[in-house]
Amino acid sequence: MDRREILRLAEELVTGDRDHQHGPARANMARIAKFWTAYLSFTDSEFEVTPSDVCAMMILLKVSRLSNRFRDDTFIDIAGYASLGAELSGEDT
């Protein structure tokens, strides 16, 4: 797959039926952020996870998976999370 195909597939994923599968991106990332914040509250951390943080950390999860096994869809997912993170970063409060 070339970069155009990867970005086209990522666009299909983030603009397709993901809202139907997981709920609207902002609501889904906000829900994950609450779970992660709750989990991290049991550590010495003094911060709150934002929806754009979720996107960044999901990218890190995908990068970690790449170290174990290469998959084309991992790079597509990274591109998708990057686009969502850029969009949501202006909305984090």
Protein backbone atom coordinates (compact mmCIF):
# COMPACT_ATOMS: atom_id res chain seq x y z
CA MET A 1 0.00 0.00 0.00
CA ASP A 2 1.25 3.48 -0.74
CA ARG A 3 0.71 6.56 1.45
CA ARG A 4 -2.31 7.78 -0.50
CA GLU A 5 -4.07 4.44 -0.02
CA ILE A 6 -3.22 4.42 3.70
CA LEU A 7 -4.60 7.94 4.15
CA ARG A 8 -7.68 7.13 2.07
CA LEU A 9 -8.40 4.09 4.25
CA ALA A 10 -7.81 6.11 7.42
CA GLU A 11 -10.24 8.74 6.13
CA GLU A 12 -12.85 6.07 5.45
CA LEU A 13 -12.43 4.75 8.99
CA VAL A 14 -12.67 8.08 10.81
CA THR A 15 -15.50 9.40 8.64
CA GLY A 16 -17.34 6.10 8.17
CA ASP A 17 -19.57 4.11 10.48
CA ARG A 18 -17.27 4.37 13.52
CA ASP A 19 -19.84 6.68 15.12
CA HIS A 20 -22.38 3.89 14.76
CA GLN A 21 -19.96 1.29 16.16
CA HIS A 22 -18.39 3.30 18.99
CA GLY A 23 -20.42 6.51 19.30
CA PRO A 24 -19.31 9.97 18.18
CA ALA A 25 -15.50 10.32 18.29
CA ARG A 26 -15.53 13.11 20.88
CA ALA A 27 -17.88 11.19 23.20
CA ASN A 28 -15.91 7.96 22.73
CA MET A 29 -12.55 9.62 23.42
CA ALA A 30 -14.03 11.51 26.39
CA ARG A 31 -15.35 8.24 27.84
CA ILE A 32 -11.97 6.55 27.40
CA ALA A 33 -10.32 9.63 28.96
CA LYS A 34 -12.53 9.27 32.05
CA PHE A 35 -11.63 5.60 32.39
CA TRP A 36 -7.92 6.34 31.99
CA THR A 37 -8.10 9.29 34.41
CA ALA A 38 -9.86 7.08 36.98
CA TYR A 39 -7.27 4.36 36.50
CA LEU A 40 -4.39 6.81 36.75
CA SER A 41 -5.89 8.39 39.87
CA PHE A 42 -4.69 5.33 41.76
CA THR A 43 -1.13 6.35 40.91
CA ASP A 44 0.73 9.47 42.00
CA SER A 45 -0.43 11.28 38.85
CA GLU A 46 -2.06 14.68 39.31
CA PHE A 47 -3.50 15.25 35.85
CA GLU A 48 -6.63 14.65 33.85
CA VAL A 49 -6.57 12.81 30.54
CA THR A 50 -8.24 14.71 27.67
CA PRO A 51 -9.83 13.28 24.53
CA SER A 52 -6.82 14.36 22.45
CA ASP A 53 -4.54 12.64 25.02
CA VAL A 54 -6.50 9.45 24.32
CA CYS A 55 -5.67 9.79 20.61
CA ALA A 56 -1.98 10.32 21.39
CA MET A 57 -1.88 7.36 23.75
CA MET A 58 -3.72 5.16 21.25
CA ILE A 59 -1.02 6.07 18.72
CA LEU A 60 1.58 4.93 21.27
CA LEU A 61 -0.34 1.68 21.77
CA LYS A 62 -0.32 1.11 18.01
CA VAL A 63 3.43 1.86 17.83
CA SER A 64 4.01 -0.65 20.62
CA ARG A 65 2.07 -3.27 18.67
CA LEU A 66 4.25 -2.59 15.64
CA SER A 67 7.29 -3.70 17.60
CA ASN A 68 5.68 -7.11 17.91
CA ARG A 69 4.10 -7.56 14.50
CA PHE A 70 3.82 -5.42 11.36
CA ARG A 71 0.31 -4.86 10.05
CA ASP A 72 -0.77 -2.35 7.40
CA ASP A 73 -3.92 -1.53 9.35
CA THR A 74 -1.82 -0.35 12.31
CA PHE A 75 -0.44 2.52 10.25
CA ILE A 76 -3.94 3.29 9.00
CA ASP A 77 -5.17 3.41 12.61
CA ILE A 78 -2.26 5.71 13.55
CA ALA A 79 -3.20 8.09 10.72
CA GLY A 80 -6.82 8.00 11.87
CA TYR A 81 -5.96 8.71 15.52
CA ALA A 82 -3.63 11.53 14.42
CA SER A 83 -6.42 13.20 12.46
CA LEU A 84 -8.88 12.82 15.35
CA GLY A 85 -6.32 14.09 17.85
CA ALA A 86 -5.65 17.19 15.76
CA GLU A 87 -9.39 17.86 15.50
CA LEU A 88 -10.11 17.24 19.18
CA SER A 89 -7.09 19.12 20.56
CA GLY A 90 -8.84 22.43 19.88
CA GLU A 91 -11.87 21.23 21.82
CA ASP A 92 -10.14 19.93 24.98
CA THR A 93 -11.13 21.86 28.04
